[in-house]
């Protein structure tokens, strides 16, 4: 993505954040924390991912409304 003809990765990140985009790496990191918080039980990876994504979206929405 370019911004006014120039490549600006910071502008790209701001645009994605403003659009509610959450980096998959951030979701994966939080999902792993959730996995650890619940005792590292196997078989709930998808639930952990969805939980993490929901938390990060809520946080993003809270920050956007300030």
N, C-alpha and C. Protein backbone atom coordinates (compact mmCIF):
# COMPACT_ATOMS: atom_id res chain seq x y z
N UNK A 1 0.85 -1.17 0.00
CA UNK A 1 0.00 0.00 0.00
C UNK A 1 0.89 1.23 0.00
N UNK A 2 0.48 2.24 -0.71
CA UNK A 2 1.24 3.49 -0.72
C UNK A 2 0.33 4.61 -0.23
N UNK A 3 0.96 5.63 0.29
CA UNK A 3 0.25 6.80 0.76
C UNK A 3 0.74 7.99 -0.03
N UNK A 4 -0.11 8.52 -0.87
CA UNK A 4 0.24 9.67 -1.71
C UNK A 4 1.53 9.43 -2.49
N UNK A 5 1.67 8.23 -3.06
CA UNK A 5 2.80 7.95 -3.90
C UNK A 5 4.07 7.55 -3.18
N UNK A 6 4.06 7.50 -1.86
CA UNK A 6 5.25 7.09 -1.12
C UNK A 6 4.93 5.86 -0.29
N UNK A 7 5.94 5.08 -0.04
CA UNK A 7 5.77 3.89 0.79
C UNK A 7 6.03 4.29 2.24
N UNK A 8 4.98 4.25 3.04
CA UNK A 8 5.08 4.66 4.44
C UNK A 8 4.48 3.57 5.31
N UNK A 9 5.32 2.68 5.86
CA UNK A 9 4.78 1.59 6.65
C UNK A 9 4.03 2.06 7.89
N UNK A 10 4.40 3.20 8.45
CA UNK A 10 3.69 3.72 9.62
C UNK A 10 2.29 4.17 9.24
N UNK A 11 2.15 4.77 8.09
CA UNK A 11 0.83 5.18 7.61
C UNK A 11 -0.03 3.95 7.35
N UNK A 12 0.59 2.90 6.83
CA UNK A 12 -0.14 1.66 6.59
C UNK A 12 -0.66 1.09 7.90
N UNK A 13 0.18 1.06 8.93
CA UNK A 13 -0.22 0.53 10.23
C UNK A 13 -1.34 1.36 10.82
N UNK A 14 -1.25 2.69 10.70
CA UNK A 14 -2.30 3.56 11.23
C UNK A 14 -3.61 3.32 10.50
N UNK A 15 -3.55 3.15 9.19
CA UNK A 15 -4.77 2.91 8.40
C UNK A 15 -5.40 1.58 8.78
N UNK A 16 -4.58 0.54 8.95
CA UNK A 16 -5.12 -0.77 9.35
C UNK A 16 -5.73 -0.69 10.74
N UNK A 17 -5.07 0.01 11.63
CA UNK A 17 -5.57 0.15 13.00
C UNK A 17 -6.89 0.91 13.01
N UNK A 18 -6.96 1.98 12.23
CA UNK A 18 -8.19 2.77 12.15
C UNK A 18 -9.33 1.94 11.57
N UNK A 19 -9.00 1.01 10.70
CA UNK A 19 -10.03 0.16 10.07
C UNK A 19 -10.38 -1.02 10.95
N UNK A 20 -9.75 -1.15 12.12
CA UNK A 20 -10.03 -2.26 13.02
C UNK A 20 -9.21 -3.50 12.74
N UNK A 21 -8.20 -3.39 11.88
CA UNK A 21 -7.34 -4.53 11.57
C UNK A 21 -6.43 -4.82 12.75
N UNK A 22 -6.32 -6.09 13.09
CA UNK A 22 -5.42 -6.52 14.16
C UNK A 22 -4.40 -7.47 13.53
N UNK A 23 -3.14 -7.19 13.76
CA UNK A 23 -2.08 -8.04 13.21
C UNK A 23 -2.24 -9.47 13.71
N UNK A 24 -2.17 -10.45 12.81
CA UNK A 24 -2.27 -11.85 13.23
C UNK A 24 -1.23 -12.23 14.28
N UNK A 25 -0.06 -11.61 14.23
CA UNK A 25 0.97 -11.90 15.22
C UNK A 25 0.52 -11.48 16.62
N UNK A 26 -0.20 -10.36 16.71
CA UNK A 26 -0.70 -9.90 18.01
C UNK A 26 -1.76 -10.86 18.54
N UNK A 27 -2.62 -11.35 17.65
CA UNK A 27 -3.64 -12.32 18.07
C UNK A 27 -2.97 -13.60 18.53
N UNK A 28 -1.99 -14.07 17.77
CA UNK A 28 -1.29 -15.31 18.12
C UNK A 28 -0.61 -15.18 19.48
N UNK A 29 0.00 -14.05 19.73
CA UNK A 29 0.68 -13.82 21.01
C UNK A 29 -0.33 -13.87 22.16
N UNK A 30 -1.44 -13.17 22.00
CA UNK A 30 -2.45 -13.16 23.07
C UNK A 30 -3.09 -14.54 23.22
N UNK A 31 -3.31 -15.24 22.10
CA UNK A 31 -3.89 -16.59 22.17
C UNK A 31 -2.97 -17.53 22.95
N UNK A 32 -1.67 -17.37 22.78
CA UNK A 32 -0.74 -18.20 23.55
C UNK A 32 -0.81 -17.86 25.03
N UNK A 33 -0.95 -16.58 25.34
CA UNK A 33 -1.11 -16.20 26.75
C UNK A 33 -2.38 -16.81 27.34
N UNK A 34 -3.47 -16.80 26.57
CA UNK A 34 -4.72 -17.41 27.04
C UNK A 34 -4.51 -18.89 27.28
N UNK A 35 -3.83 -19.55 26.35
CA UNK A 35 -3.51 -20.97 26.46
C UNK A 35 -2.76 -21.25 27.77
N UNK A 36 -1.77 -20.41 28.07
CA UNK A 36 -1.01 -20.59 29.30
C UNK A 36 -1.86 -20.29 30.54
N UNK A 37 -2.69 -19.26 30.46
CA UNK A 37 -3.53 -18.88 31.60
C UNK A 37 -4.51 -19.99 31.98
N UNK A 38 -4.94 -20.77 31.03
CA UNK A 38 -5.90 -21.82 31.33
C UNK A 38 -5.22 -23.18 31.52
N UNK A 39 -3.92 -23.15 31.78
CA UNK A 39 -3.22 -24.36 32.17
C UNK A 39 -2.66 -25.20 31.04
N UNK A 40 -2.52 -24.61 29.86
CA UNK A 40 -1.91 -25.26 28.71
C UNK A 40 -2.65 -26.50 28.24
N UNK A 41 -3.96 -26.54 28.46
CA UNK A 41 -4.75 -27.67 27.99
C UNK A 41 -4.84 -27.70 26.47
N UNK A 42 -4.60 -28.83 25.89
CA UNK A 42 -4.61 -28.99 24.43
C UNK A 42 -6.03 -29.01 23.88
N UNK A 43 -6.15 -28.75 22.58
CA UNK A 43 -7.40 -28.94 21.86
C UNK A 43 -8.35 -27.75 21.82
N UNK A 44 -7.93 -26.61 22.32
CA UNK A 44 -8.81 -25.43 22.30
C UNK A 44 -8.16 -24.25 21.60
N UNK A 45 -7.31 -24.56 20.64
CA UNK A 45 -6.56 -23.51 19.94
C UNK A 45 -7.48 -22.50 19.26
N UNK A 46 -8.52 -23.01 18.60
CA UNK A 46 -9.43 -22.12 17.90
C UNK A 46 -10.17 -21.21 18.89
N UNK A 47 -10.63 -21.79 20.00
CA UNK A 47 -11.29 -20.99 21.04
C UNK A 47 -10.35 -19.93 21.60
N UNK A 48 -9.09 -20.31 21.82
CA UNK A 48 -8.10 -19.36 22.33
C UNK A 48 -7.90 -18.21 21.33
N UNK A 49 -7.83 -18.56 20.05
CA UNK A 49 -7.65 -17.55 18.99
C UNK A 49 -8.82 -16.58 19.00
N UNK A 50 -10.05 -17.12 19.01
CA UNK A 50 -11.23 -16.26 18.98
C UNK A 50 -11.31 -15.39 20.23
N UNK A 51 -10.98 -15.96 21.37
CA UNK A 51 -10.97 -15.20 22.63
C UNK A 51 -9.98 -14.03 22.54
N UNK A 52 -8.78 -14.34 22.07
CA UNK A 52 -7.74 -13.31 21.94
C UNK A 52 -8.15 -12.23 20.95
N UNK A 53 -8.70 -12.64 19.82
CA UNK A 53 -9.13 -11.67 18.81
C UNK A 53 -10.22 -10.76 19.37
N UNK A 54 -11.16 -11.34 20.09
CA UNK A 54 -12.23 -10.55 20.70
C UNK A 54 -11.67 -9.53 21.69
N UNK A 55 -10.77 -9.99 22.56
CA UNK A 55 -10.16 -9.07 23.54
C UNK A 55 -9.45 -7.91 22.85
N UNK A 56 -8.68 -8.23 21.82
CA UNK A 56 -7.91 -7.18 21.13
C UNK A 56 -8.82 -6.22 20.37
N UNK A 57 -9.90 -6.74 19.80
CA UNK A 57 -10.87 -5.85 19.13
C UNK A 57 -11.53 -4.92 20.13
N UNK A 58 -11.91 -5.46 21.29
CA UNK A 58 -12.50 -4.62 22.34
C UNK A 58 -11.52 -3.53 22.77
N UNK A 59 -10.28 -3.91 22.97
CA UNK A 59 -9.25 -2.95 23.36
C UNK A 59 -9.08 -1.89 22.27
N UNK A 60 -9.05 -2.32 21.02
CA UNK A 60 -8.91 -1.41 19.89
C UNK A 60 -10.09 -0.45 19.82
N UNK A 61 -11.31 -0.97 20.04
CA UNK A 61 -12.51 -0.14 20.02
C UNK A 61 -12.50 0.87 21.17
N UNK A 62 -12.07 0.42 22.35
CA UNK A 62 -11.99 1.32 23.50
C UNK A 62 -11.00 2.45 23.23
N UNK A 63 -9.86 2.11 22.63
CA UNK A 63 -8.84 3.12 22.34
C UNK A 63 -9.30 4.07 21.24
N UNK A 64 -10.08 3.58 20.29
CA UNK A 64 -10.56 4.42 19.19
C UNK A 64 -11.61 5.42 19.67
N UNK A 65 -12.35 5.06 20.72
CA UNK A 65 -13.41 5.94 21.19
C UNK A 65 -12.89 7.03 22.13
N UNK A 66 -11.63 6.96 22.52
CA UNK A 66 -11.07 7.97 23.44
C UNK A 66 -10.70 9.23 22.72
